[in-house]
């Protein structure tokens, strides 16, 4: 994304994980990008703070996103199992009603 990259309620502000040269060690990532702000639905932190203690090498943008999600607390990303898209049961019921 140009300005933001949103993953499961976490926004990488003005930062695109695709722009990093991979693989990259977590230490190098923290040194180069540690001050990048992450918006956490009403709170914020930095990549450096989130990845403190994470030691695996980051192989690609998906690894970086997964590492951030792994290291964040459950409270940081909003309600667990929440979707505003409706359930599959609701979708099926609406479809059945329309076909009658």
N, C-alpha and C. Protein backbone atom coordinates (compact mmCIF):
# COMPACT_ATOMS: atom_id res chain seq x y z
N UNK A 1 0.84 -1.17 0.00
CA UNK A 1 0.00 0.00 0.00
C UNK A 1 0.89 1.24 0.00
N UNK A 2 0.38 2.30 -0.49
CA UNK A 2 1.20 3.50 -0.60
C UNK A 2 1.53 4.11 0.75
N UNK A 3 0.54 4.44 1.54
CA UNK A 3 0.77 5.12 2.81
C UNK A 3 0.66 4.19 4.01
N UNK A 4 -0.26 3.25 3.97
CA UNK A 4 -0.51 2.38 5.11
C UNK A 4 -0.58 0.93 4.64
N UNK A 5 -0.30 0.03 5.55
CA UNK A 5 -0.46 -1.40 5.30
C UNK A 5 -1.19 -1.94 6.51
N UNK A 6 -2.45 -2.37 6.34
CA UNK A 6 -3.27 -2.82 7.45
C UNK A 6 -3.34 -4.35 7.43
N UNK A 7 -3.07 -4.96 8.58
CA UNK A 7 -3.14 -6.39 8.75
C UNK A 7 -3.83 -6.69 10.06
N UNK A 8 -5.01 -7.32 10.01
CA UNK A 8 -5.74 -7.73 11.22
C UNK A 8 -5.81 -6.64 12.28
N UNK A 9 -6.19 -5.46 11.88
CA UNK A 9 -6.37 -4.38 12.85
C UNK A 9 -5.10 -3.63 13.21
N UNK A 10 -3.98 -3.99 12.62
CA UNK A 10 -2.71 -3.30 12.87
C UNK A 10 -2.34 -2.54 11.60
N UNK A 11 -2.06 -1.25 11.74
CA UNK A 11 -1.67 -0.45 10.58
C UNK A 11 -0.20 -0.09 10.69
N UNK A 12 0.55 -0.43 9.65
CA UNK A 12 1.94 -0.01 9.52
C UNK A 12 1.88 1.35 8.84
N UNK A 13 2.00 2.44 9.61
CA UNK A 13 1.80 3.78 9.06
C UNK A 13 3.01 4.24 8.26
N UNK A 14 2.72 4.72 7.04
CA UNK A 14 3.74 5.25 6.14
C UNK A 14 4.91 4.29 5.97
N UNK A 15 4.59 3.02 5.87
CA UNK A 15 5.61 1.98 5.80
C UNK A 15 5.03 0.81 5.04
N UNK A 16 5.77 0.27 4.10
CA UNK A 16 5.33 -0.89 3.35
C UNK A 16 6.33 -2.01 3.56
N UNK A 17 5.93 -3.10 4.23
CA UNK A 17 6.85 -4.22 4.45
C UNK A 17 7.45 -4.78 3.16
N UNK A 18 6.80 -4.53 2.03
CA UNK A 18 7.31 -5.01 0.74
C UNK A 18 8.60 -4.29 0.34
N UNK A 19 8.88 -3.13 0.93
CA UNK A 19 10.04 -2.32 0.55
C UNK A 19 11.36 -2.75 1.20
N UNK A 20 11.31 -3.70 2.11
CA UNK A 20 12.51 -4.15 2.82
C UNK A 20 13.23 -5.21 1.99
N UNK A 21 14.56 -5.21 2.05
CA UNK A 21 15.35 -6.27 1.41
C UNK A 21 15.40 -7.46 2.35
N UNK A 22 14.82 -8.57 1.93
CA UNK A 22 14.77 -9.79 2.73
C UNK A 22 15.77 -10.79 2.18
N UNK A 23 16.22 -11.73 3.01
CA UNK A 23 15.94 -11.87 4.45
C UNK A 23 16.66 -10.78 5.24
N UNK A 24 16.14 -10.53 6.44
CA UNK A 24 16.73 -9.53 7.33
C UNK A 24 16.66 -10.06 8.77
N UNK A 25 17.74 -9.85 9.50
CA UNK A 25 17.74 -10.28 10.91
C UNK A 25 16.83 -9.35 11.70
N UNK A 26 16.30 -9.84 12.78
CA UNK A 26 15.43 -9.02 13.62
C UNK A 26 16.21 -7.83 14.18
N UNK A 27 17.47 -8.03 14.53
CA UNK A 27 18.30 -6.92 15.02
C UNK A 27 18.44 -5.82 13.97
N UNK A 28 18.73 -6.21 12.72
CA UNK A 28 18.86 -5.22 11.65
C UNK A 28 17.52 -4.53 11.38
N UNK A 29 16.44 -5.29 11.44
CA UNK A 29 15.11 -4.71 11.23
C UNK A 29 14.81 -3.67 12.30
N UNK A 30 15.11 -4.00 13.55
CA UNK A 30 14.88 -3.04 14.64
C UNK A 30 15.77 -1.81 14.49
N UNK A 31 17.03 -2.02 14.06
CA UNK A 31 17.95 -0.89 13.87
C UNK A 31 17.46 0.05 12.77
N UNK A 32 17.00 -0.52 11.66
CA UNK A 32 16.62 0.29 10.50
C UNK A 32 15.19 0.81 10.55
N UNK A 33 14.28 0.02 11.12
CA UNK A 33 12.85 0.36 11.06
C UNK A 33 12.17 0.38 12.43
N UNK A 34 12.95 0.33 13.48
CA UNK A 34 12.40 0.23 14.83
C UNK A 34 11.50 1.36 15.25
N UNK A 35 11.67 2.53 14.62
CA UNK A 35 10.84 3.68 15.00
C UNK A 35 9.55 3.80 14.18
N UNK A 36 9.31 2.84 13.27
CA UNK A 36 8.07 2.85 12.49
C UNK A 36 6.88 2.64 13.43
N UNK A 37 5.88 3.51 13.31
CA UNK A 37 4.71 3.46 14.18
C UNK A 37 3.70 2.43 13.69
N UNK A 38 3.16 1.68 14.65
CA UNK A 38 2.06 0.76 14.38
C UNK A 38 0.82 1.29 15.09
N UNK A 39 -0.27 1.47 14.35
CA UNK A 39 -1.54 1.91 14.93
C UNK A 39 -2.31 0.66 15.33
N UNK A 40 -2.72 0.60 16.60
CA UNK A 40 -3.37 -0.59 17.16
C UNK A 40 -4.79 -0.29 17.62
N UNK A 41 -5.63 0.19 16.74
CA UNK A 41 -7.02 0.47 17.07
C UNK A 41 -7.15 1.26 18.37
N UNK A 42 -6.72 2.50 18.35
CA UNK A 42 -6.86 3.36 19.51
C UNK A 42 -5.60 3.49 20.35
N UNK A 43 -4.57 2.77 19.99
CA UNK A 43 -3.29 2.85 20.69
C UNK A 43 -2.21 2.80 19.61
N UNK A 44 -0.99 3.01 19.98
CA UNK A 44 0.10 2.86 19.02
C UNK A 44 1.37 2.42 19.72
N UNK A 45 2.25 1.82 18.92
CA UNK A 45 3.55 1.37 19.39
C UNK A 45 4.50 1.41 18.20
N UNK A 46 5.69 0.88 18.35
CA UNK A 46 6.64 0.85 17.23
C UNK A 46 7.02 -0.60 16.92
N UNK A 47 7.53 -0.80 15.73
CA UNK A 47 8.01 -2.13 15.35
C UNK A 47 9.12 -2.57 16.30
N UNK A 48 10.01 -1.65 16.65
CA UNK A 48 11.10 -1.98 17.56
C UNK A 48 10.60 -2.49 18.90
N UNK A 49 9.59 -1.84 19.45
CA UNK A 49 9.04 -2.26 20.74
C UNK A 49 8.35 -3.61 20.63
N UNK A 50 7.59 -3.81 19.56
CA UNK A 50 6.85 -5.06 19.39
C UNK A 50 7.80 -6.24 19.19
N UNK A 51 8.85 -6.04 18.42
CA UNK A 51 9.75 -7.15 18.11
C UNK A 51 10.88 -7.33 19.12
N UNK A 52 10.83 -6.60 20.22
CA UNK A 52 11.81 -6.79 21.29
C UNK A 52 11.69 -8.23 21.79
N UNK A 53 12.77 -8.98 21.74
CA UNK A 53 12.75 -10.37 22.18
C UNK A 53 12.48 -11.37 21.07
N UNK A 54 12.08 -10.91 19.90
CA UNK A 54 11.85 -11.80 18.76
C UNK A 54 13.19 -12.02 18.07
N UNK A 55 13.59 -13.26 17.88
CA UNK A 55 14.94 -13.53 17.39
C UNK A 55 15.01 -14.20 16.03
N UNK A 56 13.90 -14.64 15.46
CA UNK A 56 13.94 -15.33 14.17
C UNK A 56 14.28 -14.37 13.04
N UNK A 57 14.96 -14.87 12.01
CA UNK A 57 15.23 -14.06 10.83
C UNK A 57 13.92 -13.90 10.06
N UNK A 58 13.69 -12.72 9.54
CA UNK A 58 12.48 -12.41 8.77
C UNK A 58 12.79 -12.68 7.30
N UNK A 59 12.04 -13.59 6.68
CA UNK A 59 12.32 -14.02 5.31
C UNK A 59 11.61 -13.20 4.24
N UNK A 60 10.44 -12.63 4.57
CA UNK A 60 9.63 -11.93 3.57
C UNK A 60 8.59 -11.06 4.28
N UNK A 61 7.84 -10.25 3.53
CA UNK A 61 6.85 -9.37 4.16
C UNK A 61 5.81 -10.12 5.01
N UNK A 62 5.40 -11.29 4.56
CA UNK A 62 4.42 -12.06 5.34
C UNK A 62 5.02 -12.50 6.68
N UNK A 63 6.30 -12.87 6.68
CA UNK A 63 6.97 -13.22 7.94
C UNK A 63 6.98 -12.03 8.90
N UNK A 64 7.23 -10.83 8.36
CA UNK A 64 7.23 -9.64 9.21
C UNK A 64 5.85 -9.40 9.81
N UNK A 65 4.83 -9.47 8.97
CA UNK A 65 3.46 -9.27 9.48
C UNK A 65 3.13 -10.31 10.54
N UNK A 66 3.50 -11.57 10.29
CA UNK A 66 3.22 -12.64 11.25
C UNK A 66 4.00 -12.43 12.55
N UNK A 67 5.24 -12.00 12.45
CA UNK A 67 6.05 -11.75 13.65
C UNK A 67 5.40 -10.66 14.50
N UNK A 68 4.95 -9.59 13.85
CA UNK A 68 4.28 -8.51 14.59
C UNK A 68 3.03 -9.03 15.27
N UNK A 69 2.21 -9.79 14.55
CA UNK A 69 0.97 -10.31 15.13
C UNK A 69 1.26 -11.28 16.27
N UNK A 70 2.32 -12.07 16.14
CA UNK A 70 2.69 -13.03 17.18
C UNK A 70 3.11 -12.31 18.46
N UNK A 71 3.83 -11.22 18.32
CA UNK A 71 4.38 -10.54 19.48
C UNK A 71 3.42 -9.55 20.13
N UNK A 72 2.34 -9.18 19.43
CA UNK A 72 1.35 -8.27 20.02
C UNK A 72 0.46 -9.02 20.99
N UNK A 73 -0.01 -8.33 22.00
CA UNK A 73 -0.98 -8.95 22.90
C UNK A 73 -2.33 -9.01 22.20
N UNK A 74 -3.20 -9.89 22.65
CA UNK A 74 -4.54 -10.02 22.07
C UNK A 74 -5.32 -8.72 22.17
N UNK A 75 -5.11 -7.95 23.22
CA UNK A 75 -5.83 -6.69 23.41
C UNK A 75 -5.50 -5.67 22.33
N UNK A 76 -4.32 -5.77 21.74
CA UNK A 76 -3.87 -4.76 20.80
C UNK A 76 -4.61 -4.80 19.47
N UNK A 77 -5.15 -5.95 19.09
CA UNK A 77 -5.75 -6.09 17.77
C UNK A 77 -7.26 -6.11 17.78
N UNK A 78 -7.89 -5.80 18.88
CA UNK A 78 -9.34 -5.73 18.92
C UNK A 78 -9.97 -7.02 19.40
N UNK A 79 -11.28 -7.10 19.20
CA UNK A 79 -12.04 -8.25 19.69
C UNK A 79 -11.68 -9.51 18.91
N UNK A 80 -11.50 -10.59 19.64
CA UNK A 80 -11.17 -11.87 19.03
C UNK A 80 -12.37 -12.43 18.29
N UNK A 81 -12.15 -13.03 17.13
CA UNK A 81 -13.19 -13.65 16.30
C UNK A 81 -14.28 -12.68 15.88
N UNK A 82 -13.98 -11.38 15.80
CA UNK A 82 -14.97 -10.39 15.39
C UNK A 82 -14.86 -10.13 13.90
N UNK A 83 -16.00 -10.07 13.26
CA UNK A 83 -16.07 -9.67 11.87
C UNK A 83 -17.33 -8.86 11.67
N UNK A 84 -17.23 -7.77 10.93
CA UNK A 84 -18.41 -6.98 10.64
C UNK A 84 -19.05 -7.39 9.32
N UNK A 85 -18.63 -8.52 8.79
CA UNK A 85 -19.13 -8.98 7.50
C UNK A 85 -20.31 -9.94 7.63
N UNK A 86 -20.71 -10.27 8.83
CA UNK A 86 -21.81 -11.21 9.02
C UNK A 86 -21.31 -12.64 8.97
N UNK A 87 -22.10 -13.53 9.50
CA UNK A 87 -21.70 -14.94 9.51
C UNK A 87 -22.19 -15.62 8.24
N UNK A 88 -21.64 -16.80 7.99
CA UNK A 88 -22.08 -17.56 6.82
C UNK A 88 -23.52 -18.01 6.97
N UNK A 89 -23.95 -18.26 8.21
CA UNK A 89 -25.34 -18.64 8.43
C UNK A 89 -26.27 -17.50 8.05
N UNK A 90 -25.93 -16.28 8.45
CA UNK A 90 -26.75 -15.13 8.10
C UNK A 90 -26.81 -14.96 6.59
N UNK A 91 -25.69 -15.13 5.92
CA UNK A 91 -25.65 -14.97 4.47
C UNK A 91 -26.54 -16.00 3.80
N UNK A 92 -26.49 -17.22 4.30
CA UNK A 92 -27.32 -18.27 3.74
C UNK A 92 -28.80 -18.00 3.96
N UNK A 93 -29.17 -17.50 5.12
CA UNK A 93 -30.56 -17.19 5.42
C UNK A 93 -31.07 -16.08 4.52
N UNK A 94 -30.27 -15.06 4.31
CA UNK A 94 -30.68 -13.96 3.45
C UNK A 94 -30.90 -14.46 2.03
N UNK A 95 -30.03 -15.35 1.58
CA UNK A 95 -30.14 -15.88 0.23
C UNK A 95 -31.42 -16.69 0.10
N UNK A 96 -31.73 -17.54 1.12
CA UNK A 96 -32.94 -18.34 1.08
C UNK A 96 -34.18 -17.47 1.05
N UNK A 97 -34.21 -16.40 1.84
CA UNK A 97 -35.36 -15.51 1.88
C UNK A 97 -35.56 -14.83 0.53
N UNK A 98 -34.48 -14.45 -0.11
CA UNK A 98 -34.58 -13.77 -1.39
C UNK A 98 -35.10 -14.71 -2.47
N UNK A 99 -34.80 -16.00 -2.37
CA UNK A 99 -35.21 -16.92 -3.42
C UNK A 99 -36.66 -17.37 -3.28
N UNK A 100 -37.30 -17.06 -2.18
CA UNK A 100 -38.70 -17.45 -2.00
C UNK A 100 -39.61 -16.62 -2.77
